[in-house]
């Protein structure tokens, strides 16, 4: 799963910039037709943080 978002993981994301305004109304693209453009409108930085195991010893 090289490029997957999986559950039970913590993802910290920040949007670095918005380059242009997107479409003014929603569209339903045909999944069999590739995107007409390679232009991107967001510059996003994603940092996947490792799990931290905390061992808590509790007496009851």
PDB file of N, CA and C in Angstrom:
ATOM      1  N   UNK A   1       0.836  -1.186   0.000  1.00  0.00           N
ATOM      2  CA  UNK A   1       0.000   0.000   0.000  1.00  0.00           C
ATOM      3  C   UNK A   1       0.875   1.242   0.000  1.00  0.00           C
ATOM      4  N   UNK A   2       1.525   1.473  -1.090  1.00  0.00           N
ATOM      5  CA  UNK A   2       2.465   2.578  -1.169  1.00  0.00           C
ATOM      6  C   UNK A   2       1.787   3.946  -1.157  1.00  0.00           C
ATOM      7  N   UNK A   3       0.620   4.062  -1.791  1.00  0.00           N
ATOM      8  CA  UNK A   3      -0.052   5.352  -1.881  1.00  0.00           C
ATOM      9  C   UNK A   3      -1.489   5.244  -1.398  1.00  0.00           C
ATOM     10  N   UNK A   4      -1.697   4.718  -0.222  1.00  0.00           N
ATOM     11  CA  UNK A   4      -3.057   4.531   0.283  1.00  0.00           C
ATOM     12  C   UNK A   4      -3.224   5.236   1.619  1.00  0.00           C
ATOM     13  N   UNK A   5      -4.431   5.700   1.876  1.00  0.00           N
ATOM     14  CA  UNK A   5      -4.789   6.230   3.182  1.00  0.00           C
ATOM     15  C   UNK A   5      -5.481   5.090   3.912  1.00  0.00           C
ATOM     16  N   UNK A   6      -4.927   4.705   5.038  1.00  0.00           N
ATOM     17  CA  UNK A   6      -5.481   3.569   5.770  1.00  0.00           C
ATOM     18  C   UNK A   6      -5.974   4.020   7.131  1.00  0.00           C
ATOM     19  N   UNK A   7      -6.903   3.258   7.682  1.00  0.00           N
ATOM     20  CA  UNK A   7      -7.469   3.622   8.971  1.00  0.00           C
ATOM     21  C   UNK A   7      -6.470   3.342  10.091  1.00  0.00           C
ATOM     22  N   UNK A   8      -6.742   3.913  11.242  1.00  0.00           N
ATOM     23  CA  UNK A   8      -5.896   3.788  12.426  1.00  0.00           C
ATOM     24  C   UNK A   8      -4.509   4.384  12.218  1.00  0.00           C
ATOM     25  N   UNK A   9      -4.417   5.341  11.343  1.00  0.00           N
ATOM     26  CA  UNK A   9      -3.182   6.080  11.148  1.00  0.00           C
ATOM     27  C   UNK A   9      -3.482   7.559  11.301  1.00  0.00           C
ATOM     28  N   UNK A  10      -2.489   8.308  11.678  1.00  0.00           N
ATOM     29  CA  UNK A  10      -2.629   9.738  11.900  1.00  0.00           C
ATOM     30  C   UNK A  10      -1.923  10.460  10.759  1.00  0.00           C
ATOM     31  N   UNK A  11      -2.645  11.296  10.058  1.00  0.00           N
ATOM     32  CA  UNK A  11      -2.087  12.057   8.954  1.00  0.00           C
ATOM     33  C   UNK A  11      -2.181  13.541   9.282  1.00  0.00           C
ATOM     34  N   UNK A  12      -1.069  14.225   9.203  1.00  0.00           N
ATOM     35  CA  UNK A  12      -1.053  15.666   9.429  1.00  0.00           C
ATOM     36  C   UNK A  12      -0.820  16.328   8.075  1.00  0.00           C
ATOM     37  N   UNK A  13      -1.786  17.133   7.633  1.00  0.00           N
ATOM     38  CA  UNK A  13      -1.696  17.761   6.320  1.00  0.00           C
ATOM     39  C   UNK A  13      -1.865  19.263   6.447  1.00  0.00           C
ATOM     40  N   UNK A  14      -1.182  19.964   5.595  1.00  0.00           N
ATOM     41  CA  UNK A  14      -1.360  21.411   5.542  1.00  0.00           C
ATOM     42  C   UNK A  14      -1.389  21.841   4.082  1.00  0.00           C
ATOM     43  N   UNK A  15      -2.282  22.762   3.773  1.00  0.00           N
ATOM     44  CA  UNK A  15      -2.362  23.310   2.422  1.00  0.00           C
ATOM     45  C   UNK A  15      -1.408  24.491   2.364  1.00  0.00           C
ATOM     46  N   UNK A  16      -0.415  24.388   1.485  1.00  0.00           N
ATOM     47  CA  UNK A  16       0.603  25.419   1.384  1.00  0.00           C
ATOM     48  C   UNK A  16       0.145  26.587   0.531  1.00  0.00           C
ATOM     49  N   UNK A  17      -0.631  26.307  -0.518  1.00  0.00           N
ATOM     50  CA  UNK A  17      -1.114  27.402  -1.354  1.00  0.00           C
ATOM     51  C   UNK A  17      -2.284  26.939  -2.208  1.00  0.00           C
ATOM     52  N   UNK A  18      -3.105  27.902  -2.599  1.00  0.00           N
ATOM     53  CA  UNK A  18      -4.179  27.691  -3.562  1.00  0.00           C
ATOM     54  C   UNK A  18      -3.775  28.487  -4.791  1.00  0.00           C
ATOM     55  N   UNK A  19      -3.540  27.790  -5.902  1.00  0.00           N
ATOM     56  CA  UNK A  19      -2.988  28.447  -7.086  1.00  0.00           C
ATOM     57  C   UNK A  19      -4.044  29.123  -7.950  1.00  0.00           C
ATOM     58  N   UNK A  20      -5.228  28.506  -8.068  1.00  0.00           N
ATOM     59  CA  UNK A  20      -6.298  29.076  -8.878  1.00  0.00           C
ATOM     60  C   UNK A  20      -7.632  28.668  -8.286  1.00  0.00           C
ATOM     61  N   UNK A  21      -8.671  29.356  -8.733  1.00  0.00           N
ATOM     62  CA  UNK A  21     -10.019  28.988  -8.329  1.00  0.00           C
ATOM     63  C   UNK A  21     -10.456  27.812  -9.189  1.00  0.00           C
ATOM     64  N   UNK A  22     -11.143  26.856  -8.590  1.00  0.00           N
ATOM     65  CA  UNK A  22     -11.613  25.685  -9.327  1.00  0.00           C
ATOM     66  C   UNK A  22     -12.891  25.965 -10.093  1.00  0.00           C
ATOM     67  N   UNK A  23     -13.572  24.904 -10.480  1.00  0.00           N
ATOM     68  CA  UNK A  23     -14.826  25.028 -11.224  1.00  0.00           C
ATOM     69  C   UNK A  23     -15.890  25.710 -10.369  1.00  0.00           C
ATOM     70  N   UNK A  24     -16.748  26.471 -11.007  1.00  0.00           N
ATOM     71  CA  UNK A  24     -17.796  27.191 -10.284  1.00  0.00           C
ATOM     72  C   UNK A  24     -19.009  26.314  -9.997  1.00  0.00           C
ATOM     73  N   UNK A  25     -19.077  25.132 -10.578  1.00  0.00           N
ATOM     74  CA  UNK A  25     -20.183  24.220 -10.296  1.00  0.00           C
ATOM     75  C   UNK A  25     -19.655  22.786 -10.358  1.00  0.00           C
ATOM     76  N   UNK A  26     -20.262  21.875  -9.600  1.00  0.00           N
ATOM     77  CA  UNK A  26     -19.798  20.489  -9.602  1.00  0.00           C
ATOM     78  C   UNK A  26     -20.013  19.830 -10.966  1.00  0.00           C
ATOM     79  N   UNK A  27     -19.142  18.916 -11.281  1.00  0.00           N
ATOM     80  CA  UNK A  27     -19.265  18.147 -12.522  1.00  0.00           C
ATOM     81  C   UNK A  27     -19.222  16.664 -12.177  1.00  0.00           C
ATOM     82  N   UNK A  28     -19.804  15.858 -13.028  1.00  0.00           N
ATOM     83  CA  UNK A  28     -19.733  14.404 -12.884  1.00  0.00           C
ATOM     84  C   UNK A  28     -18.857  13.866 -14.007  1.00  0.00           C
ATOM     85  N   UNK A  29     -17.557  13.718 -13.755  1.00  0.00           N
ATOM     86  CA  UNK A  29     -16.659  13.278 -14.821  1.00  0.00           C
ATOM     87  C   UNK A  29     -16.898  11.813 -15.190  1.00  0.00           C
ATOM     88  N   UNK A  30     -16.613  11.498 -16.427  1.00  0.00           N
ATOM     89  CA  UNK A  30     -16.687  10.124 -16.907  1.00  0.00           C
ATOM     90  C   UNK A  30     -15.409   9.416 -16.464  1.00  0.00           C
ATOM     91  N   UNK A  31     -15.507   8.356 -15.652  1.00  0.00           N
ATOM     92  CA  UNK A  31     -14.298   7.700 -15.139  1.00  0.00           C
ATOM     93  C   UNK A  31     -13.469   7.008 -16.216  1.00  0.00           C
ATOM     94  N   UNK A  32     -14.037   6.805 -17.406  1.00  0.00           N
ATOM     95  CA  UNK A  32     -13.280   6.147 -18.476  1.00  0.00           C
ATOM     96  C   UNK A  32     -12.477   7.139 -19.307  1.00  0.00           C
ATOM     97  N   UNK A  33     -12.738   8.432 -19.133  1.00  0.00           N
ATOM     98  CA  UNK A  33     -12.027   9.469 -19.885  1.00  0.00           C
ATOM     99  C   UNK A  33     -10.993  10.107 -18.963  1.00  0.00           C
ATOM    100  N   UNK A  34      -9.714  10.109 -19.361  1.00  0.00           N
ATOM    101  CA  UNK A  34      -8.698  10.730 -18.497  1.00  0.00           C
ATOM    102  C   UNK A  34      -8.910  12.238 -18.372  1.00  0.00           C
ATOM    103  N   UNK A  35      -8.355  12.808 -17.332  1.00  0.00           N
ATOM    104  CA  UNK A  35      -8.463  14.250 -17.118  1.00  0.00           C
ATOM    105  C   UNK A  35      -7.880  15.006 -18.309  1.00  0.00           C
ATOM    106  N   UNK A  36      -8.503  16.123 -18.632  1.00  0.00           N
ATOM    107  CA  UNK A  36      -8.076  16.910 -19.785  1.00  0.00           C
ATOM    108  C   UNK A  36      -6.815  17.716 -19.503  1.00  0.00           C
ATOM    109  N   UNK A  37      -6.505  17.906 -18.257  1.00  0.00           N
ATOM    110  CA  UNK A  37      -5.363  18.751 -17.912  1.00  0.00           C
ATOM    111  C   UNK A  37      -4.555  18.126 -16.780  1.00  0.00           C
ATOM    112  N   UNK A  38      -3.302  18.469 -16.755  1.00  0.00           N
ATOM    113  CA  UNK A  38      -2.433  18.036 -15.657  1.00  0.00           C
ATOM    114  C   UNK A  38      -2.263  19.142 -14.632  1.00  0.00           C
ATOM    115  N   UNK A  39      -3.006  20.250 -14.799  1.00  0.00           N
ATOM    116  CA  UNK A  39      -2.878  21.383 -13.892  1.00  0.00           C
ATOM    117  C   UNK A  39      -3.400  21.027 -12.510  1.00  0.00           C
ATOM    118  N   UNK A  40      -2.696  21.465 -11.520  1.00  0.00           N
ATOM    119  CA  UNK A  40      -3.156  21.292 -10.152  1.00  0.00           C
ATOM    120  C   UNK A  40      -3.449  22.648  -9.538  1.00  0.00           C
ATOM    121  N   UNK A  41      -4.412  22.681  -8.634  1.00  0.00           N
ATOM    122  CA  UNK A  41      -4.805  23.947  -8.023  1.00  0.00           C
ATOM    123  C   UNK A  41      -4.361  24.070  -6.576  1.00  0.00           C
ATOM    124  N   UNK A  42      -3.970  22.963  -5.950  1.00  0.00           N
ATOM    125  CA  UNK A  42      -3.530  22.996  -4.556  1.00  0.00           C
ATOM    126  C   UNK A  42      -2.103  22.505  -4.446  1.00  0.00           C
ATOM    127  N   UNK A  43      -1.367  23.088  -3.544  1.00  0.00           N
ATOM    128  CA  UNK A  43      -0.032  22.617  -3.197  1.00  0.00           C
ATOM    129  C   UNK A  43      -0.132  22.118  -1.766  1.00  0.00           C
ATOM    130  N   UNK A  44      -0.093  20.801  -1.571  1.00  0.00           N
ATOM    131  CA  UNK A  44      -0.347  20.186  -0.268  1.00  0.00           C
ATOM    132  C   UNK A  44       0.903  19.465   0.207  1.00  0.00           C
ATOM    133  N   UNK A  45       1.211  19.626   1.476  1.00  0.00           N
ATOM    134  CA  UNK A  45       2.325  18.918   2.099  1.00  0.00           C
ATOM    135  C   UNK A  45       1.741  17.921   3.092  1.00  0.00           C
ATOM    136  N   UNK A  46       2.139  16.655   2.985  1.00  0.00           N
ATOM    137  CA  UNK A  46       1.635  15.600   3.866  1.00  0.00           C
ATOM    138  C   UNK A  46       2.809  14.999   4.614  1.00  0.00           C
ATOM    139  N   UNK A  47       2.658  14.900   5.919  1.00  0.00           N
ATOM    140  CA  UNK A  47       3.675  14.269   6.749  1.00  0.00           C
ATOM    141  C   UNK A  47       2.997  13.154   7.531  1.00  0.00           C
ATOM    142  N   UNK A  48       3.411  11.912   7.289  1.00  0.00           N
ATOM    143  CA  UNK A  48       2.841  10.769   7.990  1.00  0.00           C
ATOM    144  C   UNK A  48       3.689  10.531   9.230  1.00  0.00           C
ATOM    145  N   UNK A  49       3.062  10.650  10.380  1.00  0.00           N
ATOM    146  CA  UNK A  49       3.773  10.520  11.642  1.00  0.00           C
ATOM    147  C   UNK A  49       3.750   9.074  12.119  1.00  0.00           C
ATOM    148  N   UNK A  50       4.845   8.581  12.705  1.00  0.00           N
ATOM    149  CA  UNK A  50       4.861   7.211  13.207  1.00  0.00           C
ATOM    150  C   UNK A  50       4.017   7.085  14.471  1.00  0.00           C
ATOM    151  N   UNK A  51       3.568   5.870  14.705  1.00  0.00           N
ATOM    152  CA  UNK A  51       2.828   5.591  15.935  1.00  0.00           C
ATOM    153  C   UNK A  51       3.760   5.712  17.125  1.00  0.00           C
ATOM    154  N   UNK A  52       3.235   6.196  18.226  1.00  0.00           N
ATOM    155  CA  UNK A  52       3.973   6.241  19.477  1.00  0.00           C
ATOM    156  C   UNK A  52       3.280   5.302  20.445  1.00  0.00           C
ATOM    157  N   UNK A  53       4.018   4.313  20.928  1.00  0.00           N
ATOM    158  CA  UNK A  53       3.451   3.354  21.878  1.00  0.00           C
ATOM    159  C   UNK A  53       3.725   3.865  23.280  1.00  0.00           C
ATOM    160  N   UNK A  54       2.685   3.981  24.065  1.00  0.00           N
ATOM    161  CA  UNK A  54       2.823   4.419  25.452  1.00  0.00           C
ATOM    162  C   UNK A  54       2.411   3.271  26.352  1.00  0.00           C
ATOM    163  N   UNK A  55       3.309   2.862  27.191  1.00  0.00           N
ATOM    164  CA  UNK A  55       3.051   1.759  28.115  1.00  0.00           C
ATOM    165  C   UNK A  55       2.642   2.353  29.462  1.00  0.00           C
ATOM    166  N   UNK A  56       1.383   2.201  29.819  1.00  0.00           N
ATOM    167  CA  UNK A  56       0.866   2.732  31.076  1.00  0.00           C
ATOM    168  C   UNK A  56       0.658   1.590  32.058  1.00  0.00           C
ATOM    169  N   UNK A  57       1.326   1.658  33.159  1.00  0.00           N
ATOM    170  CA  UNK A  57       1.176   0.639  34.197  1.00  0.00           C
ATOM    171  C   UNK A  57       0.220   1.185  35.257  1.00  0.00           C
ATOM    172  N   UNK A  58      -0.939   0.567  35.371  1.00  0.00           N
ATOM    173  CA  UNK A  58      -1.969   1.034  36.292  1.00  0.00           C
ATOM    174  C   UNK A  58      -2.327  -0.099  37.238  1.00  0.00           C
ATOM    175  N   UNK A  59      -2.305   0.185  38.515  1.00  0.00           N
ATOM    176  CA  UNK A  59      -2.741  -0.785  39.521  1.00  0.00           C
ATOM    177  C   UNK A  59      -4.186  -0.487  39.890  1.00  0.00           C
ATOM    178  N   UNK A  60      -5.007  -1.527  39.912  1.00  0.00           N
ATOM    179  CA  UNK A  60      -6.405  -1.379  40.323  1.00  0.00           C
ATOM    180  C   UNK A  60      -6.608  -2.036  41.661  1.00  0.00           C
TER     181      UNK A  60
END
